[in-house]
Amino acid sequence: MRVAQRGRAGEGRNVVSDNAAPPTSPRTHEDPDVANAIRVYDQLGADPPKVDVALNDAAHSRAHTLDRHGPDLPLRQQAGVLTIEGRIYGDHGWGQPENQSFKWDDPTVMTREINGYVQRNWETIRSDLATDGVHEGRYDAGHRVGEGFLNGGMYGFGPRHAEYTPTSLVRLRIRLVPGSDPAQPFLVSAFPAGIL
């Protein structure tokens, strides 16, 4: 007998095995973890929320879309100024160097991309939040969404060197507000990326 074992996309658990034994104790609604996931899923509702990035970032201390990727951040490195290029080197205010640093082209693009993604993927987001408390998304928008820099010397291939590039790639992370009841999602971060 062939049994498909399912897992989350990208985790390598979607495998087919021969003669797999059925689970010894199937999880039911009486299982506290299952009951909590169902409760959170129901509380999140079928209608996707609209994200106002400025309000979201102000309301949640862990949210940082505008602080680290906002369209108003200066692009080119400047002494004593928080810049997208300077993040590659760990300049003023960044704390540590990064291998990629990007910003949104403008507020309209940022808002359209974030809310479009949430609309298109709400069922998956809702399920991930109910079971794991977090959703991470990565996609190619198919058009320019931002600009920034990749570290040309990443992975030990030489000294840090910021290489400019426009991008159509987007990464985002959504979590549940800790302790919220009913459950509420918040956007931790959404940003253009050079590498997914």
Protein backbone atom coordinates (compact mmCIF):
# COMPACT_ATOMS: atom_id res chain seq x y z
CA MET A 1 0.00 0.00 0.00
CA ARG A 2 1.34 3.47 -0.90
CA VAL A 3 0.73 6.30 1.54
CA ALA A 4 1.45 9.93 0.83
CA GLN A 5 2.97 11.74 3.77
CA ARG A 6 2.31 15.45 3.56
CA GLY A 7 4.27 18.28 5.05
CA ARG A 8 4.84 21.94 4.32
CA ALA A 9 6.08 22.99 0.92
CA GLY A 10 9.85 23.16 0.82
CA GLU A 11 10.41 20.98 3.88
CA GLY A 12 10.92 17.77 1.92
CA ARG A 13 8.09 15.98 3.71
CA ASN A 14 5.89 15.50 0.65
CA VAL A 15 7.12 11.97 0.01
CA VAL A 16 5.49 8.72 -0.91
CA SER A 17 6.51 5.64 1.01
CA ASP A 18 5.53 2.02 0.59
CA ASN A 19 3.88 0.17 3.44
CA ALA A 20 3.86 3.15 5.78
CA ALA A 21 2.11 2.44 9.05
CA PRO A 22 -0.89 4.64 9.78
CA PRO A 23 -0.47 7.11 12.63
CA THR A 24 -0.97 5.37 15.95
CA SER A 25 -3.11 8.11 17.50
CA PRO A 26 -4.81 10.45 15.07
CA ARG A 27 -5.18 13.99 16.34
CA THR A 28 -8.73 15.08 17.00
CA HIS A 29 -10.55 18.27 17.97
CA GLU A 30 -10.04 17.23 21.59
CA ASP A 31 -6.27 17.57 21.13
CA PRO A 32 -5.37 20.99 22.63
CA ASP A 33 -3.00 21.90 19.77
CA VAL A 34 -5.58 21.06 17.12
CA ALA A 35 -8.33 22.85 19.03
CA ASN A 36 -6.15 25.97 19.35
CA ALA A 37 -5.26 25.93 15.64
CA ILE A 38 -8.93 25.67 14.69
CA ARG A 39 -9.82 28.50 17.09
CA VAL A 40 -7.10 30.79 15.71
CA TYR A 41 -8.02 29.91 12.12
CA ASP A 42 -11.67 30.78 12.77
CA GLN A 43 -10.77 34.00 14.60
CA LEU A 44 -8.64 35.22 11.68
CA GLY A 45 -11.71 35.04 9.44
CA ALA A 46 -12.17 34.40 5.74
CA ASP A 47 -11.64 38.01 4.65
CA PRO A 48 -8.00 39.12 4.31
CA PRO A 49 -7.02 42.21 6.29
CA LYS A 50 -5.83 45.41 4.61
CA VAL A 51 -2.35 46.39 5.80
CA ASP A 52 -1.55 50.04 6.48
CA VAL A 53 2.23 49.77 6.84
CA ALA A 54 2.71 53.00 8.81
CA LEU A 55 0.00 52.09 11.35
CA ASN A 56 1.25 48.50 11.53
CA ASP A 57 4.86 49.53 12.18
CA ALA A 58 3.81 52.07 14.82
CA ALA A 59 1.59 49.57 16.65
CA HIS A 60 4.05 46.65 16.82
CA SER A 61 7.56 46.98 18.23
CA ARG A 62 8.88 44.07 16.13
CA ALA A 63 7.53 45.52 12.86
CA HIS A 64 10.16 47.28 10.78
CA THR A 65 9.16 47.60 7.13
CA LEU A 66 9.51 51.40 6.99
CA ASP A 67 12.53 51.62 9.33
CA ARG A 68 14.66 49.22 7.29
CA HIS A 69 13.10 49.22 3.81
CA GLY A 70 10.96 52.33 3.50
CA PRO A 71 10.99 54.31 0.25
CA ASP A 72 12.19 57.44 2.08
CA LEU A 73 15.50 55.91 3.20
CA PRO A 74 18.48 57.37 1.31
CA LEU A 75 19.93 54.93 -1.20
CA ARG A 76 23.63 55.86 -1.40
CA GLN A 77 26.09 55.65 1.47
CA GLN A 78 26.54 58.92 3.43
CA ALA A 79 28.61 59.46 6.57
CA GLY A 80 26.48 59.50 9.72
CA VAL A 81 23.25 58.74 7.86
CA LEU A 82 21.21 55.51 7.82
CA THR A 83 21.32 54.39 4.16
CA ILE A 84 20.45 51.31 2.13
CA GLU A 85 24.00 51.00 0.75
CA GLY A 86 25.48 51.57 4.22
CA ARG A 87 23.64 48.53 5.55
CA ILE A 88 25.91 46.30 3.46
CA TYR A 89 28.84 47.62 5.51
CA GLY A 90 27.07 47.87 8.88
CA ASP A 91 27.34 51.68 8.79
CA HIS A 92 25.74 54.18 11.15
CA GLY A 93 22.65 52.83 12.88
CA TRP A 94 22.52 49.37 11.30
CA GLY A 95 24.34 47.44 14.00
CA GLN A 96 25.71 44.72 11.73
CA PRO A 97 26.50 44.32 8.04
CA GLU A 98 24.03 42.50 5.78
CA ASN A 99 24.49 40.69 2.48
CA GLN A 100 21.51 42.40 0.88
CA SER A 101 19.78 45.70 1.52
CA PHE A 102 16.80 46.99 -0.46
CA LYS A 103 14.08 49.60 -0.24
CA TRP A 104 10.65 50.01 -1.81
CA ASP A 105 10.42 52.30 -4.85
CA ASP A 106 7.52 54.28 -3.38
CA PRO A 107 4.62 53.98 -0.91
CA THR A 108 2.11 53.08 -3.63
CA VAL A 109 4.16 50.13 -4.90
CA MET A 110 4.80 48.96 -1.34
CA THR A 111 1.12 49.10 -0.33
CA ARG A 112 -0.09 47.49 -3.56
CA GLU A 113 2.41 44.62 -3.36
CA ILE A 114 1.86 43.83 0.31
CA ASN A 115 -1.94 43.95 0.16
CA GLY A 116 -2.05 42.14 -3.19
CA TYR A 117 0.04 39.32 -1.74
CA VAL A 118 -2.17 39.09 1.37
CA GLN A 119 -5.33 39.04 -0.81
CA ARG A 120 -4.00 36.32 -3.13
CA ASN A 121 -2.59 34.14 -0.35
CA TRP A 122 -4.88 34.70 2.62
CA GLU A 123 -5.93 31.06 2.94
CA THR A 124 -2.30 29.92 3.17
CA ILE A 125 -1.36 32.81 5.47
CA ARG A 126 -4.32 32.06 7.72
CA SER A 127 -3.47 28.35 7.90
CA ASP A 128 0.22 29.04 8.63
CA LEU A 129 -0.66 31.51 11.37
CA ALA A 130 -3.13 29.06 12.93
CA THR A 131 -0.66 26.17 12.98
CA ASP A 132 2.74 27.86 13.29
CA GLY A 133 2.07 31.45 14.37
CA VAL A 134 4.10 32.76 11.42
CA HIS A 135 3.89 33.00 7.63
CA GLU A 136 6.85 33.75 5.37
CA GLY A 137 6.31 34.61 1.73
CA ARG A 138 8.71 35.04 -1.16
CA TYR A 139 7.75 35.86 -4.72
CA ASP A 140 8.68 37.57 -7.96
CA ALA A 141 6.26 40.45 -8.65
CA GLY A 142 7.12 40.37 -12.35
CA HIS A 143 7.95 44.08 -12.38
CA ARG A 144 10.25 46.45 -10.54
CA VAL A 145 9.30 47.03 -6.88
CA GLY A 146 12.48 48.43 -5.40
CA GLU A 147 16.20 48.94 -5.53
CA GLY A 148 19.20 48.27 -3.40
CA PHE A 149 22.45 46.43 -3.04
CA LEU A 150 23.88 42.94 -2.82
CA ASN A 151 27.22 42.27 -1.15
CA GLY A 152 29.49 41.17 -4.01
CA GLY A 153 31.85 39.64 -1.46
CA MET A 154 29.25 37.52 0.33
CA TYR A 155 29.97 33.96 1.40
CA GLY A 156 33.70 34.73 1.70
CA PHE A 157 34.27 35.57 -1.98
CA GLY A 158 36.14 38.74 -1.10
CA PRO A 159 35.77 41.98 0.83
CA ARG A 160 32.36 43.61 1.22
CA HIS A 161 31.36 45.42 -1.92
CA ALA A 162 27.89 46.92 -2.46
CA GLU A 163 26.59 46.16 -5.96
CA TYR A 164 23.51 48.15 -7.01
CA THR A 165 20.54 46.40 -8.60
CA PRO A 166 16.84 47.08 -9.14
CA THR A 167 14.60 44.16 -8.18
CA SER A 168 11.22 42.54 -8.69
CA LEU A 169 11.61 40.09 -5.79
CA VAL A 170 9.67 40.46 -2.53
CA ARG A 171 9.99 38.80 0.88
CA LEU A 172 7.62 39.21 3.82
CA ARG A 173 6.90 37.81 7.26
CA ILE A 174 3.56 37.91 9.09
CA ARG A 175 3.08 36.81 12.71
CA LEU A 176 0.30 36.66 15.25
CA VAL A 177 0.18 39.50 17.77
CA PRO A 178 1.45 37.84 20.97
CA GLY A 179 -1.38 37.15 23.40
CA SER A 180 -4.08 38.55 21.12
CA ASP A 181 -7.55 37.09 21.64
CA PRO A 182 -9.14 37.11 19.19
CA ALA A 183 -6.06 36.30 17.15
CA GLN A 184 -4.71 39.19 15.08
CA PRO A 185 -1.98 39.15 12.45
CA PHE A 186 0.70 41.80 12.05
CA LEU A 187 3.28 42.41 9.36
CA VAL A 188 6.78 41.99 10.82
CA SER A 189 8.49 43.04 7.62
CA ALA A 190 7.98 43.23 3.87
CA PHE A 191 10.76 44.26 1.55
CA PRO A 192 12.20 44.07 -1.94
CA ALA A 193 15.02 41.52 -2.08
CA GLY A 194 17.93 40.64 -4.30
CA ILE A 195 17.83 36.96 -3.39
CA LEU A 196 14.81 34.90 -2.38
